[in-house]
Protein backbone atom coordinates (compact mmCIF):
# COMPACT_ATOMS: atom_id res chain seq x y z
CA MET A 1 31.43 -149.73 -126.90
CA LEU A 2 30.71 -147.20 -129.68
CA ASN A 3 28.86 -147.98 -132.88
CA VAL A 4 28.24 -145.22 -135.35
CA LYS A 5 26.08 -146.12 -138.40
CA ASN A 6 25.67 -144.02 -141.54
CA ILE A 7 25.45 -140.57 -139.94
CA ASN A 8 24.89 -137.49 -142.04
CA GLN A 9 25.27 -133.85 -140.96
CA TYR A 10 24.74 -130.55 -142.71
CA TYR A 11 25.82 -126.93 -142.13
CA GLY A 12 23.20 -124.93 -144.04
CA GLY A 13 23.26 -126.42 -147.55
CA SER A 14 26.67 -128.01 -147.12
CA HIS A 15 26.75 -131.79 -146.65
CA ILE A 16 29.52 -132.15 -144.01
CA LEU A 17 29.35 -135.80 -142.96
CA ARG A 18 28.33 -138.39 -145.55
CA ASP A 19 27.14 -141.79 -144.30
CA VAL A 20 29.96 -142.06 -141.81
CA SER A 21 30.22 -145.36 -139.86
CA LEU A 22 32.82 -146.46 -137.36
CA GLN A 23 33.24 -148.62 -134.25
CA ALA A 24 35.40 -148.25 -131.18
CA SER A 25 36.04 -151.14 -128.82
CA LEU A 26 37.14 -151.44 -125.22
CA GLY A 27 40.91 -151.70 -124.91
CA LYS A 28 41.55 -150.21 -128.32
CA VAL A 29 42.57 -146.84 -129.82
CA THR A 30 40.62 -145.97 -132.93
CA VAL A 31 42.41 -143.20 -134.82
CA ILE A 32 40.64 -140.90 -137.29
CA LEU A 33 42.88 -139.27 -139.84
CA GLY A 34 42.40 -136.91 -142.74
CA ARG A 35 43.40 -133.55 -144.16
CA ASN A 36 42.11 -130.34 -142.68
CA GLY A 37 38.46 -129.63 -143.38
CA VAL A 38 37.25 -133.18 -144.05
CA GLY A 39 34.86 -133.29 -141.12
CA LYS A 40 36.87 -134.93 -138.36
CA THR A 41 36.09 -132.37 -135.64
CA THR A 42 32.45 -132.19 -136.73
CA LEU A 43 32.27 -135.98 -136.33
CA LEU A 44 33.54 -135.80 -132.79
CA LYS A 45 31.10 -133.01 -131.91
CA CYS A 46 28.30 -135.22 -133.23
CA LEU A 47 29.51 -138.08 -131.04
CA MET A 48 29.39 -135.74 -128.04
CA GLY A 49 26.03 -134.23 -128.95
CA LEU A 50 27.40 -130.75 -129.51
CA VAL A 51 26.22 -130.88 -133.15
CA PRO A 52 23.04 -132.76 -134.10
CA ILE A 53 23.07 -135.42 -136.79
CA LYS A 54 20.53 -135.34 -139.59
CA THR A 55 20.26 -139.11 -140.19
CA GLY A 56 21.95 -142.26 -138.93
CA SER A 57 22.49 -143.58 -135.43
CA ILE A 58 25.02 -143.52 -132.61
CA GLU A 59 25.04 -146.35 -130.02
CA PHE A 60 27.11 -146.30 -126.87
CA ASP A 61 27.38 -149.29 -124.56
CA GLY A 62 24.46 -150.85 -126.43
CA GLN A 63 22.14 -147.87 -126.07
CA PRO A 64 21.13 -145.31 -128.69
CA ILE A 65 22.40 -141.88 -127.75
CA HIS A 66 22.07 -139.80 -130.91
CA LYS A 67 19.14 -137.87 -129.35
CA ALA A 68 20.81 -137.48 -125.89
CA THR A 69 22.14 -134.15 -124.70
CA PRO A 70 25.87 -133.60 -124.18
CA TYR A 71 25.49 -133.77 -120.39
CA GLU A 72 23.51 -137.04 -120.70
CA ARG A 73 26.32 -138.49 -122.79
CA ALA A 74 28.91 -137.34 -120.25
CA ARG A 75 26.90 -138.91 -117.45
CA ALA A 76 26.65 -142.12 -119.47
CA GLY A 77 30.45 -142.34 -119.57
CA ILE A 78 31.83 -140.30 -122.46
CA GLY A 79 34.79 -138.01 -121.87
CA PHE A 80 35.74 -135.34 -124.42
CA VAL A 81 38.93 -133.44 -124.92
CA PRO A 82 38.23 -130.71 -127.48
CA GLN A 83 40.59 -129.23 -129.96
CA GLY A 84 42.27 -126.23 -128.39
CA ARG A 85 41.88 -127.69 -124.90
CA GLU A 86 39.23 -125.22 -123.71
CA ILE A 87 40.24 -125.26 -120.09
CA PHE A 88 38.97 -122.53 -117.77
CA GLY A 89 41.91 -120.14 -117.71
CA ARG A 90 40.79 -118.15 -114.66
CA LEU A 91 40.07 -121.25 -112.54
CA THR A 92 42.79 -123.12 -110.68
CA VAL A 93 43.99 -126.50 -111.81
CA GLU A 94 42.08 -128.06 -108.95
CA ASP A 95 38.86 -126.31 -109.94
CA ASN A 96 39.30 -127.36 -113.57
CA LEU A 97 39.62 -130.97 -112.45
CA ARG A 98 36.54 -130.62 -110.25
CA MET A 99 34.61 -129.46 -113.29
CA GLY A 100 35.25 -132.90 -114.73
CA LEU A 101 33.32 -134.32 -111.74
CA ALA A 102 30.14 -132.27 -112.55
CA THR A 103 28.16 -135.44 -113.32
CA LYS A 104 29.15 -137.02 -110.00
CA SER A 105 27.64 -136.47 -106.54
CA ALA A 106 28.86 -133.53 -104.49
CA GLY A 107 31.98 -134.25 -102.51
CA THR A 108 33.37 -136.83 -104.96
CA PRO A 109 37.15 -136.60 -104.61
CA ILE A 110 39.45 -136.01 -107.54
CA PRO A 111 40.78 -139.48 -108.46
CA ALA A 112 44.38 -139.89 -107.26
CA GLU A 113 45.18 -141.74 -110.47
CA LEU A 114 45.12 -138.43 -112.37
CA PHE A 115 48.18 -137.28 -110.47
CA GLU A 116 49.93 -140.58 -111.21
CA LEU A 117 49.26 -140.08 -114.92
CA PHE A 118 50.18 -136.38 -114.90
CA PRO A 119 52.40 -135.65 -111.85
CA VAL A 120 52.91 -131.99 -112.84
CA LEU A 121 49.27 -131.26 -112.10
CA LYS A 122 49.65 -132.16 -108.42
CA GLN A 123 52.41 -129.59 -108.15
CA MET A 124 50.21 -126.92 -109.73
CA LEU A 125 46.81 -127.49 -108.06
CA GLY A 126 46.58 -123.91 -106.88
CA ARG A 127 47.86 -122.30 -110.13
CA ARG A 128 45.41 -120.75 -112.61
CA GLY A 129 44.91 -122.88 -115.72
CA GLY A 130 45.70 -119.92 -117.94
CA ASP A 131 49.19 -119.67 -116.42
CA LEU A 132 50.13 -123.20 -117.51
CA SER A 133 52.12 -123.94 -120.64
CA GLY A 134 50.34 -125.28 -123.68
CA GLY A 135 51.48 -128.83 -122.93
CA GLN A 136 50.44 -128.58 -119.27
CA GLN A 137 47.07 -127.26 -120.34
CA GLN A 138 46.63 -130.25 -122.61
CA GLN A 139 47.47 -132.58 -119.74
CA LEU A 140 44.90 -130.75 -117.64
CA ALA A 141 42.25 -131.03 -120.33
CA ILE A 142 42.83 -134.79 -120.59
CA ALA A 143 42.84 -135.21 -116.82
CA ARG A 144 39.60 -133.23 -116.57
CA ALA A 145 37.95 -135.60 -119.05
CA LEU A 146 39.29 -138.59 -117.12
CA ALA A 147 38.09 -137.31 -113.73
CA ALA A 148 34.65 -138.88 -114.20
CA GLN A 149 36.28 -142.25 -115.20
CA PRO A 150 34.64 -142.50 -118.61
CA LYS A 151 34.24 -145.68 -120.61
CA LEU A 152 34.89 -143.83 -123.87
CA LEU A 153 37.54 -141.05 -124.22
CA ILE A 154 37.38 -138.80 -127.31
CA LEU A 155 40.40 -136.67 -128.09
CA ASP A 156 40.61 -134.02 -130.84
CA GLU A 157 44.23 -133.42 -131.90
CA PRO A 158 45.87 -133.59 -128.47
CA THR A 159 49.37 -132.97 -129.91
CA GLU A 160 48.49 -129.62 -131.53
CA GLY A 161 51.00 -127.00 -130.44
CA ILE A 162 52.61 -129.22 -127.84
CA GLN A 163 56.33 -129.69 -127.19
CA PRO A 164 57.79 -133.08 -128.11
CA SER A 165 58.49 -134.24 -124.55
CA ILE A 166 54.87 -133.81 -123.49
CA ILE A 167 53.62 -135.44 -126.75
CA LYS A 168 55.52 -138.56 -125.60
CA ASP A 169 53.92 -138.36 -122.16
CA ILE A 170 50.46 -137.99 -123.62
CA GLY A 171 51.06 -140.92 -125.97
CA ARG A 172 52.21 -143.02 -123.04
CA VAL A 173 49.08 -142.17 -121.04
CA ILE A 174 46.74 -142.92 -124.01
CA ARG A 175 48.38 -146.31 -124.57
CA MET A 176 48.25 -147.16 -120.84
CA LEU A 177 44.53 -146.30 -120.62
CA ALA A 178 43.70 -148.43 -123.62
CA ASP A 179 45.79 -151.36 -122.38
CA ARG A 180 43.82 -151.51 -119.13
CA GLY A 181 40.96 -152.85 -121.24
CA ASP A 182 38.11 -150.88 -119.57
CA MET A 183 38.02 -147.88 -121.92
CA ALA A 184 37.60 -147.25 -125.64
CA ILE A 185 39.55 -144.31 -127.12
CA VAL A 186 38.73 -142.35 -130.26
CA LEU A 187 41.59 -140.10 -131.37
CA VAL A 188 41.58 -137.54 -134.14
CA GLU A 189 45.20 -136.66 -135.03
CA GLN A 190 47.10 -134.80 -137.71
CA TYR A 191 50.55 -135.95 -136.50
CA TYR A 192 50.83 -139.18 -138.49
CA ASP A 193 53.67 -140.85 -136.59
CA PHE A 194 51.89 -140.27 -133.23
CA ALA A 195 48.67 -141.71 -134.65
CA GLN A 196 50.43 -144.75 -136.16
CA ASP A 197 52.19 -145.55 -132.89
CA LEU A 198 48.88 -145.64 -131.00
CA ALA A 199 46.38 -146.95 -133.54
CA ASP A 200 44.80 -150.30 -133.03
CA ASP A 201 42.32 -149.42 -135.78
CA TYR A 202 42.27 -146.50 -138.20
CA VAL A 203 39.70 -144.60 -140.22
CA VAL A 204 40.71 -142.15 -142.99
CA MET A 205 38.21 -139.43 -143.93
CA GLU A 206 37.97 -137.45 -147.15
CA ARG A 207 35.28 -134.87 -148.02
CA GLY A 208 33.13 -135.94 -145.11
CA ALA A 209 33.14 -139.64 -145.92
CA VAL A 210 35.20 -142.66 -144.89
CA LEU A 211 37.83 -143.27 -147.51
CA ALA A 212 39.66 -146.17 -145.89
CA ARG A 213 39.72 -148.18 -142.69
CA GLY A 214 41.78 -151.00 -141.27
CA LEU A 215 44.13 -152.24 -138.59
CA GLY A 216 46.70 -149.87 -137.10
CA LYS A 217 49.55 -152.31 -137.81
CA ASN A 218 48.74 -152.20 -141.51
CA MET A 219 48.78 -148.40 -141.90
CA GLU A 220 52.07 -148.26 -143.77
CA ALA A 221 51.20 -151.21 -146.05
CA ASP A 222 47.80 -149.65 -146.73
CA GLY A 223 49.42 -146.39 -147.80
CA VAL A 224 47.67 -144.28 -145.16
CA ARG A 225 50.56 -141.79 -144.96
CA GLN A 226 50.03 -140.91 -148.63
CA LEU A 227 46.25 -140.67 -148.17
CA VAL A 228 46.59 -137.98 -145.56
CA ALA A 229 49.60 -136.15 -146.96
CA ILE A 230 48.95 -132.47 -147.59
C-alpha cells in the first residue's frame, strides 16, 4: 500500500532524513521507533506532504504521490493523526468529525462505525473539542482521520499524555482496524510496550536513517528495546 524509497529531506543545511526506505502493507501495523529528534515526525510529515522531500520517492496504492499536495493525498485515502492531536478546540465534537469528511461530497454522513469504535464521542457530540480530556481528544483525532475511511492511517505518538485506560482502548482499535485487512497503519510511538504489542513490522531510526528493521514478533530478540532506550 505504501512504498517509500530512499527519501532525503533537509532543514536549511541540516540533513534530517537520510535515504529512508520503508513499506506498509494492508492488514499490518508498521511501527517506527527511535529516540527523540531522530526524524520520525519529519518522516510522517513527508508522507503526508506537509514537508517536501528533496530526493527519493513515495508510492501509495501503486501511484507516485511525492509531488501531491496534502489534500490530494487525503483524497487518495491517507488519514493522518498528528502529534499533539490538533483538534479544533472551539468546534464541537460533531464539527470536528465533519472536518474529516472534507474530501467527501456535501451531506456525507459521519460513519456510524466511529461511535462503535469510540462510544464516548457519541455522548459528547455537542461538546466543544477543547473541553474534552486529553484521552478523549486523542480518540476524536483518530476518529476524525477515520471519517473518510482511509486506506492508510498514519499516527504520530497517539499515547502521548494519555491515561492508561484510554491507551488500551486506542491499542484495541488500532489492532481491530489492521485485522480487518483493508487498511495499512503506520505508527510512530515512544511507548515501547505499546509499540511491541501492535507491531507486525518495525523500523528503528537513528540520526535520520533506518538503523534496523524486522518483524514485530522478533523485536525482543533483535534487541530493539536497547536500541531505542534513552
